[in-house]
Protein backbone atom coordinates (compact mmCIF):
# COMPACT_ATOMS: atom_id res chain seq x y z
CA MET A 1 222.44 -113.95 -68.80
CA ARG A 2 221.48 -115.02 -65.27
CA LEU A 3 223.17 -118.37 -65.80
CA LEU A 4 226.33 -116.62 -66.92
CA THR A 5 226.23 -114.36 -63.88
CA PHE A 6 225.81 -117.39 -61.65
CA CYS A 7 228.71 -119.11 -63.40
CA ALA A 8 230.93 -116.12 -62.82
CA ALA A 9 229.85 -116.13 -59.20
CA LEU A 10 231.25 -119.60 -58.79
CA LEU A 11 234.52 -118.53 -60.36
CA VAL A 12 234.98 -115.32 -58.42
CA CYS A 13 233.15 -115.82 -55.15
CA ALA A 14 233.04 -119.53 -54.46
CA PRO A 15 235.73 -119.37 -51.76
CA MET A 16 233.85 -116.61 -49.96
CA ALA A 17 230.43 -118.17 -50.28
CA GLY A 18 231.33 -121.32 -48.39
CA ALA A 19 232.77 -119.41 -45.46
CA GLN A 20 229.98 -116.89 -44.94
CA GLY A 21 227.08 -119.15 -44.11
CA ARG A 22 228.97 -121.57 -41.90
CA PRO A 23 228.33 -121.33 -38.15
CA ARG A 24 231.43 -120.34 -36.26
CA ASP A 25 231.85 -123.65 -34.45
CA SER A 26 231.15 -125.88 -37.44
CA HIS A 27 233.50 -128.25 -39.15
CA PRO A 28 233.52 -129.39 -42.76
CA ARG A 29 230.66 -131.75 -43.44
CA PRO A 30 231.56 -134.76 -45.58
CA GLY A 31 229.83 -134.55 -48.93
CA ILE A 32 229.00 -130.88 -48.45
CA ASP A 33 232.04 -128.83 -47.38
CA ALA A 34 234.96 -131.20 -47.57
CA PRO A 35 237.27 -130.56 -50.51
CA GLY A 36 237.34 -133.36 -53.01
CA VAL A 37 234.19 -135.00 -51.71
CA GLN A 38 231.12 -134.52 -53.85
CA ARG A 39 227.57 -134.88 -52.69
CA GLY A 40 225.41 -136.58 -55.26
CA GLY A 41 228.34 -138.28 -56.97
CA GLY A 42 230.18 -136.97 -59.97
CA ARG A 43 227.21 -135.02 -61.33
CA ARG A 44 227.75 -132.17 -58.90
CA ALA A 45 231.45 -132.03 -59.71
CA LEU A 46 230.64 -131.98 -63.42
CA LEU A 47 228.11 -129.14 -62.95
CA GLU A 48 230.57 -127.14 -60.86
CA GLN A 49 233.24 -127.59 -63.52
CA GLN A 50 230.80 -126.44 -66.23
CA PHE A 51 229.87 -123.37 -64.15
CA ARG A 52 233.54 -122.53 -63.62
CA VAL A 53 234.25 -122.76 -67.33
CA ARG A 54 231.22 -120.60 -68.18
CA GLY A 55 232.13 -118.15 -65.44
CA GLU A 56 235.66 -117.80 -66.70
CA GLN A 57 234.28 -117.24 -70.19
CA LEU A 58 232.02 -114.48 -68.86
CA VAL A 59 234.94 -112.74 -67.15
CA ARG A 60 237.10 -113.21 -70.25
CA ASP A 61 234.41 -111.79 -72.56
CA ARG A 62 233.35 -108.88 -70.36
CA LEU A 63 236.92 -107.77 -69.70
CA GLY A 64 238.34 -108.72 -73.09
CA LEU A 65 241.04 -110.94 -71.59
CA ASN A 66 243.41 -113.32 -73.35
CA ASP A 67 244.73 -116.68 -72.09
CA ASP A 68 247.69 -115.11 -70.31
CA HIS A 69 245.44 -112.60 -68.52
CA MET A 70 243.13 -115.41 -67.39
CA ARG A 71 246.06 -117.49 -66.12
CA ARG A 72 247.42 -114.52 -64.18
CA MET A 73 243.97 -113.68 -62.80
CA ARG A 74 243.58 -117.27 -61.54
CA GLU A 75 246.98 -116.97 -59.85
CA VAL A 76 246.03 -113.69 -58.14
CA ASN A 77 242.67 -115.13 -57.07
CA GLY A 78 244.42 -118.21 -55.71
CA ARG A 79 246.82 -116.14 -53.63
CA ILE A 80 244.27 -113.64 -52.37
CA SER A 81 241.19 -115.82 -51.77
CA GLY A 82 242.68 -117.84 -48.92
CA GLN A 83 243.76 -114.70 -47.10
CA ARG A 84 240.41 -113.01 -47.77
CA ASN A 85 238.49 -116.03 -46.47
CA ALA A 86 240.59 -116.17 -43.32
CA LEU A 87 239.95 -112.47 -42.65
CA MET A 88 236.24 -112.85 -43.32
CA ASN A 89 236.06 -115.79 -40.90
CA GLN A 90 237.91 -113.80 -38.24
CA GLU A 91 235.64 -110.79 -38.78
CA ARG A 92 232.55 -113.01 -38.50
CA ASP A 93 233.86 -114.54 -35.26
CA VAL A 94 234.52 -111.08 -33.80
CA ARG A 95 231.04 -109.87 -34.82
CA LEU A 96 229.43 -112.94 -33.24
CA SER A 97 231.46 -112.51 -30.06
CA LEU A 98 230.54 -108.84 -29.93
CA ARG A 99 226.87 -109.68 -30.50
CA ASP A 100 226.99 -112.27 -27.70
CA GLU A 101 228.62 -109.81 -25.34
CA MET A 102 226.19 -107.01 -26.21
CA ALA A 103 223.25 -109.37 -25.65
CA LYS A 104 224.18 -109.22 -21.96
CA GLY A 105 222.90 -105.64 -21.87
CA ASN A 106 224.18 -103.73 -18.85
CA GLY A 107 226.16 -106.82 -17.84
CA ALA A 108 228.40 -106.60 -20.90
CA ASP A 109 232.10 -106.59 -20.10
CA GLN A 110 233.37 -103.12 -21.09
CA GLY A 111 236.93 -104.32 -21.55
CA LYS A 112 235.92 -107.23 -23.72
CA VAL A 113 233.71 -105.01 -25.90
CA ALA A 114 236.55 -102.50 -26.31
CA GLN A 115 238.96 -105.31 -27.23
CA LEU A 116 236.51 -106.77 -29.76
CA MET A 117 235.88 -103.34 -31.31
CA THR A 118 239.64 -102.80 -31.67
CA GLN A 119 240.03 -106.26 -33.18
CA ALA A 120 237.19 -105.58 -35.66
CA ARG A 121 238.82 -102.32 -36.74
CA GLN A 122 242.21 -104.04 -37.20
CA LEU A 123 240.64 -106.79 -39.31
CA GLN A 124 238.90 -104.19 -41.48
CA GLN A 125 242.25 -102.49 -42.01
CA GLN A 126 243.84 -105.81 -42.95
CA ARG A 127 241.01 -106.50 -45.41
CA PHE A 128 241.49 -103.07 -46.97
CA ALA A 129 245.25 -103.67 -47.26
CA LEU A 130 244.56 -107.03 -48.91
CA GLN A 131 242.21 -105.36 -51.38
CA GLN A 132 244.91 -102.82 -52.20
CA ASP A 133 247.39 -105.65 -52.71
CA GLU A 134 244.94 -107.45 -54.99
CA GLN A 135 244.32 -104.29 -56.99
CA GLN A 136 248.05 -103.72 -57.38
CA GLN A 137 248.58 -107.31 -58.55
CA LEU A 138 245.71 -107.06 -61.04
CA SER A 139 247.08 -103.73 -62.29
CA GLN A 140 250.24 -105.49 -63.40
CA PHE A 141 248.36 -107.07 -66.31
CA LEU A 142 244.96 -105.34 -66.49
CA THR A 143 244.20 -101.76 -67.42
CA PRO A 144 242.59 -99.51 -64.79
CA VAL A 145 239.28 -99.81 -66.68
CA GLN A 146 239.51 -103.62 -66.65
CA VAL A 147 240.25 -103.64 -62.91
CA ALA A 148 237.23 -101.40 -62.28
CA GLN A 149 235.07 -103.61 -64.51
CA TYR A 150 236.30 -106.70 -62.66
CA TYR A 151 235.38 -105.21 -59.28
CA GLY A 152 232.00 -104.14 -60.66
CA LEU A 153 231.40 -107.65 -61.95
CA GLN A 154 232.35 -109.09 -58.57
CA ALA A 155 229.87 -106.76 -56.85
CA GLN A 156 227.09 -107.82 -59.24
CA ILE A 157 227.89 -111.47 -58.62
CA ARG A 158 227.91 -111.04 -54.83
CA GLU A 159 224.54 -109.27 -55.02
CA ARG A 160 223.10 -112.03 -57.19
CA LEU A 161 224.39 -114.68 -54.77
CA ARG A 162 222.81 -112.78 -51.88
CA GLU A 163 219.50 -112.66 -53.74
CA MET A 164 219.69 -116.37 -54.51
CA ARG A 165 220.40 -117.18 -50.85
CA MET A 166 217.45 -115.06 -49.79
CA GLN A 167 215.19 -116.83 -52.29
CA GLN A 168 216.40 -120.23 -51.09
CA GLY A 169 215.82 -119.18 -47.50
CA GLU A 170 212.30 -118.01 -48.27
CA SER A 171 211.45 -121.23 -50.10
CA ALA A 172 212.77 -123.26 -47.15
CA GLY A 173 210.86 -121.11 -44.68
CA THR A 174 213.92 -119.45 -43.14
CA ALA A 175 215.87 -116.39 -44.17
CA ILE A 176 219.56 -116.86 -44.82
CA PRO A 177 221.60 -113.78 -43.83
């Protein structure tokens, strides 16, 4: 069951996972982040493909989806994930900038903090609007119960990924946020 949850995580959350842990000034690292470049040869690509297939099967089984539903879900995910990742990266950058400014204590620039707070609120609103758009697109071919189940499954997967990152961080001697 844990393997299936992990597989679904790759299907649903893979685009988000790569963006969250990356430092804000980093660039893709060949063999690690770069699309189409596999670290460890073809074995990693094969494992990722197997996880995607198992993850799709988990989503299909849990939601009772047919081939057409899965195709349409992939299309929605493809359209939404890029936008979601861009918003998450922008939000992270704003949070880091705000943290840096607040670290100055009494020397923090009031105007800059106000501008960053406004920007954070606007990005949250954009993320909410994107979620509404995604829900509307999913509702064109899923029932309300299936949409709710899908979001519940996504939440479980994100939580499991968070737990796995924490475990990896503890085993390496550092916590991963």
